[in-house]
Amino acid sequence: MPFHSWDGEVRLAAGPLTFAPAAGAVRPGAEMLLWRRVFPGTPDRASEARRFVRFLLDGTSFADDAELVAGELVGNAVRHTRSGTSGGHFTVEVSFFTTSAGTSVLITVYDQGGEGVPRLGDGGGQGLSYEENGRGLAIVAAVADRLGAQGTPEDGHGVWAYLTAAP
């Protein structure tokens, strides 16, 4: 299954969905918490997904950025994939890791696929853009340590952002 990294390379992922956004990010003895929730694919559920992520990470240094990331990734899933069609859905997954190296959060939004693959846009053109669309993943890339996507238009995508904090 292809793995699309925002550095322009297309890689092959081992297995159906592999989450290894940073080498050594999860070590023996690490604590990991995982939450997953499925939402109907309607635009009004984006705010509910943001509140879900905020609730999970409230009181951590990740809360604001994670809420922003979730909102952008969910918005893309609803606007650009079959998740936003009648009867569609999307899944939000939040993984929280604590290690001796610090804490990190992996936010993944799974969609139902559609035409094309997620890609980092340029906001509608070269330089400064006042377009309303096309900057969501660029915003996510600005706050996340790593950003990527896995999957296919036929089977759906998992678009993820990885946030870290020192101990």
Protein backbone atom coordinates (compact mmCIF):
# COMPACT_ATOMS: atom_id res chain seq x y z
CA MET A 1 0.00 0.00 0.00
CA PRO A 2 1.52 3.37 -0.90
CA PHE A 3 2.59 5.74 1.83
CA HIS A 4 2.64 9.40 0.87
CA SER A 5 5.03 11.56 2.82
CA TRP A 6 4.93 15.32 2.52
CA ASP A 7 8.61 15.40 1.56
CA GLY A 8 7.54 14.34 -1.94
CA GLU A 9 8.50 10.68 -1.77
CA VAL A 10 6.08 7.83 -2.23
CA ARG A 11 7.04 4.87 -0.07
CA LEU A 12 5.61 1.43 0.53
CA ALA A 13 4.17 0.85 3.96
CA ALA A 14 4.54 -2.49 5.68
CA GLY A 15 1.10 -3.90 6.44
CA PRO A 16 -2.26 -2.24 6.08
CA LEU A 17 -1.50 0.88 8.16
CA THR A 18 1.78 1.32 9.98
CA PHE A 19 2.30 4.22 12.34
CA ALA A 20 5.97 4.91 12.81
CA PRO A 21 6.21 8.66 12.32
CA ALA A 22 9.51 9.01 14.15
CA ALA A 23 12.30 6.48 14.53
CA GLY A 24 12.36 5.27 18.11
CA ALA A 25 9.27 7.25 19.07
CA VAL A 26 7.88 4.30 20.99
CA ARG A 27 10.36 2.42 23.14
CA PRO A 28 10.00 -0.47 25.58
CA GLY A 29 8.56 0.90 28.77
CA ALA A 30 6.64 3.64 26.99
CA GLU A 31 3.10 4.37 28.05
CA MET A 32 0.54 4.63 25.28
CA LEU A 33 -3.11 5.62 25.42
CA LEU A 34 -5.34 5.19 22.38
CA TRP A 35 -8.80 6.55 21.65
CA ARG A 36 -10.85 6.04 18.49
CA ARG A 37 -14.28 7.33 17.55
CA VAL A 38 -16.40 7.06 14.38
CA PHE A 39 -18.47 10.08 13.29
CA PRO A 40 -21.13 10.46 10.60
CA GLY A 41 -19.61 12.23 7.59
CA THR A 42 -21.58 15.46 7.81
CA PRO A 43 -19.99 18.92 8.08
CA ASP A 44 -21.60 19.61 11.47
CA ARG A 45 -19.70 16.67 12.97
CA ALA A 46 -16.33 18.40 12.41
CA SER A 47 -16.92 20.57 15.49
CA GLU A 48 -17.87 17.48 17.49
CA ALA A 49 -14.63 15.78 16.40
CA ARG A 50 -12.61 18.86 17.46
CA ARG A 51 -14.33 18.84 20.87
CA PHE A 52 -13.56 15.11 21.22
CA VAL A 53 -9.84 15.73 20.65
CA ARG A 54 -9.84 18.80 22.92
CA PHE A 55 -11.54 16.80 25.69
CA LEU A 56 -8.97 14.00 25.45
CA LEU A 57 -5.97 16.31 25.53
CA ASP A 58 -7.28 19.09 27.76
CA GLY A 59 -4.64 20.12 30.26
CA THR A 60 -1.76 19.08 28.01
CA SER A 61 0.47 21.27 25.87
CA PHE A 62 -1.06 19.58 22.81
CA ALA A 63 -4.70 20.64 23.26
CA ASP A 64 -4.75 23.72 20.99
CA ASP A 65 -2.64 22.34 18.16
CA ALA A 66 -4.35 18.94 18.28
CA GLU A 67 -7.79 20.55 18.04
CA LEU A 68 -6.63 22.58 15.03
CA VAL A 69 -5.11 19.50 13.36
CA ALA A 70 -8.25 17.44 13.92
CA GLY A 71 -10.45 20.17 12.48
CA GLU A 72 -8.37 20.48 9.31
CA LEU A 73 -8.05 16.73 8.73
CA VAL A 74 -11.75 16.10 9.38
CA GLY A 75 -12.73 19.01 7.13
CA ASN A 76 -10.68 17.49 4.32
CA ALA A 77 -12.22 14.05 4.86
CA VAL A 78 -15.75 15.44 4.69
CA ARG A 79 -15.10 17.78 1.73
CA HIS A 80 -12.85 15.66 -0.47
CA THR A 81 -13.75 11.98 0.07
CA ARG A 82 -16.70 9.61 0.11
CA SER A 83 -16.84 10.17 3.87
CA GLY A 84 -18.82 13.34 3.15
CA THR A 85 -21.43 11.62 0.99
CA SER A 86 -24.81 10.35 2.15
CA GLY A 87 -24.23 7.55 4.68
CA GLY A 88 -20.49 8.28 4.84
CA HIS A 89 -18.37 8.38 7.98
CA PHE A 90 -14.87 9.20 9.19
CA THR A 91 -12.84 7.96 12.14
CA VAL A 92 -10.69 10.04 14.47
CA GLU A 93 -7.91 8.25 16.32
CA VAL A 94 -5.75 9.87 19.01
CA SER A 95 -2.65 8.12 20.35
CA PHE A 96 -0.83 9.66 23.33
CA PHE A 97 2.71 8.46 24.10
CA THR A 98 4.83 9.13 27.18
CA THR A 99 8.49 8.11 27.19
CA SER A 100 11.67 9.25 28.90
CA ALA A 101 12.28 11.37 25.77
CA GLY A 102 9.03 13.31 26.25
CA THR A 103 5.41 13.10 25.21
CA SER A 104 3.86 12.90 21.78
CA VAL A 105 0.48 12.70 20.13
CA LEU A 106 -0.46 11.03 16.87
CA ILE A 107 -3.76 12.24 15.40
CA THR A 108 -5.13 10.19 12.51
CA VAL A 109 -8.30 10.74 10.51
CA TYR A 110 -9.47 7.80 8.40
CA ASP A 111 -11.69 8.53 5.42
CA GLN A 112 -13.56 6.34 2.94
CA GLY A 113 -11.47 7.30 -0.07
CA GLY A 114 -12.48 9.00 -3.26
CA GLU A 115 -10.77 10.56 -6.22
CA GLY A 116 -7.10 11.37 -5.75
CA VAL A 117 -4.85 11.28 -2.72
CA PRO A 118 -4.28 13.81 0.05
CA ARG A 119 -1.62 16.31 -0.96
CA LEU A 120 -0.04 19.40 0.45
CA GLY A 121 -1.34 22.32 -1.60
CA ASP A 122 0.12 25.76 -2.14
CA GLY A 123 -2.97 27.72 -1.15
CA GLY A 124 -4.15 28.16 -4.71
CA GLY A 125 -1.05 29.60 -6.32
CA GLN A 126 2.44 30.97 -5.89
CA GLY A 127 3.21 33.30 -3.00
CA LEU A 128 0.55 34.98 -0.88
CA SER A 129 -2.91 33.59 -1.51
CA TYR A 130 -6.29 34.82 -0.38
CA GLU A 131 -8.08 31.68 -1.57
CA GLU A 132 -10.46 30.12 0.95
CA ASN A 133 -9.36 26.56 0.16
CA GLY A 134 -6.13 24.64 -0.28
CA ARG A 135 -4.17 25.60 2.83
CA GLY A 136 -5.45 23.10 5.41
CA LEU A 137 -2.61 20.60 5.18
CA ALA A 138 -0.07 23.45 5.02
CA ILE A 139 -1.47 24.72 8.33
CA VAL A 140 -1.22 21.22 9.80
CA ALA A 141 2.36 20.90 8.52
CA ALA A 142 3.23 24.18 10.24
CA VAL A 143 2.18 22.92 13.70
CA ALA A 144 3.02 19.21 13.39
CA ASP A 145 6.46 17.64 13.65
CA ARG A 146 5.54 15.16 10.92
CA LEU A 147 2.61 14.74 8.58
CA GLY A 148 1.68 11.97 6.20
CA ALA A 149 -0.99 9.79 4.66
CA GLN A 150 -1.44 6.14 3.85
CA GLY A 151 -4.02 4.32 1.82
CA THR A 152 -5.63 4.42 -1.60
CA PRO A 153 -8.52 6.27 -3.23
CA GLU A 154 -10.38 2.95 -3.46
CA ASP A 155 -9.96 1.80 0.14
CA GLY A 156 -9.62 5.09 1.99
CA HIS A 157 -6.81 7.01 3.62
CA GLY A 158 -5.37 7.50 7.05
CA VAL A 159 -4.02 11.05 7.21
CA TRP A 160 -1.90 11.65 10.30
CA ALA A 161 -0.06 14.39 12.14
CA TYR A 162 2.54 13.78 14.82
CA LEU A 163 3.11 16.33 17.59
CA THR A 164 5.93 16.12 20.16
CA ALA A 165 6.95 17.89 23.36
CA ALA A 166 10.13 17.59 25.39
CA PRO A 167 9.88 16.26 28.97
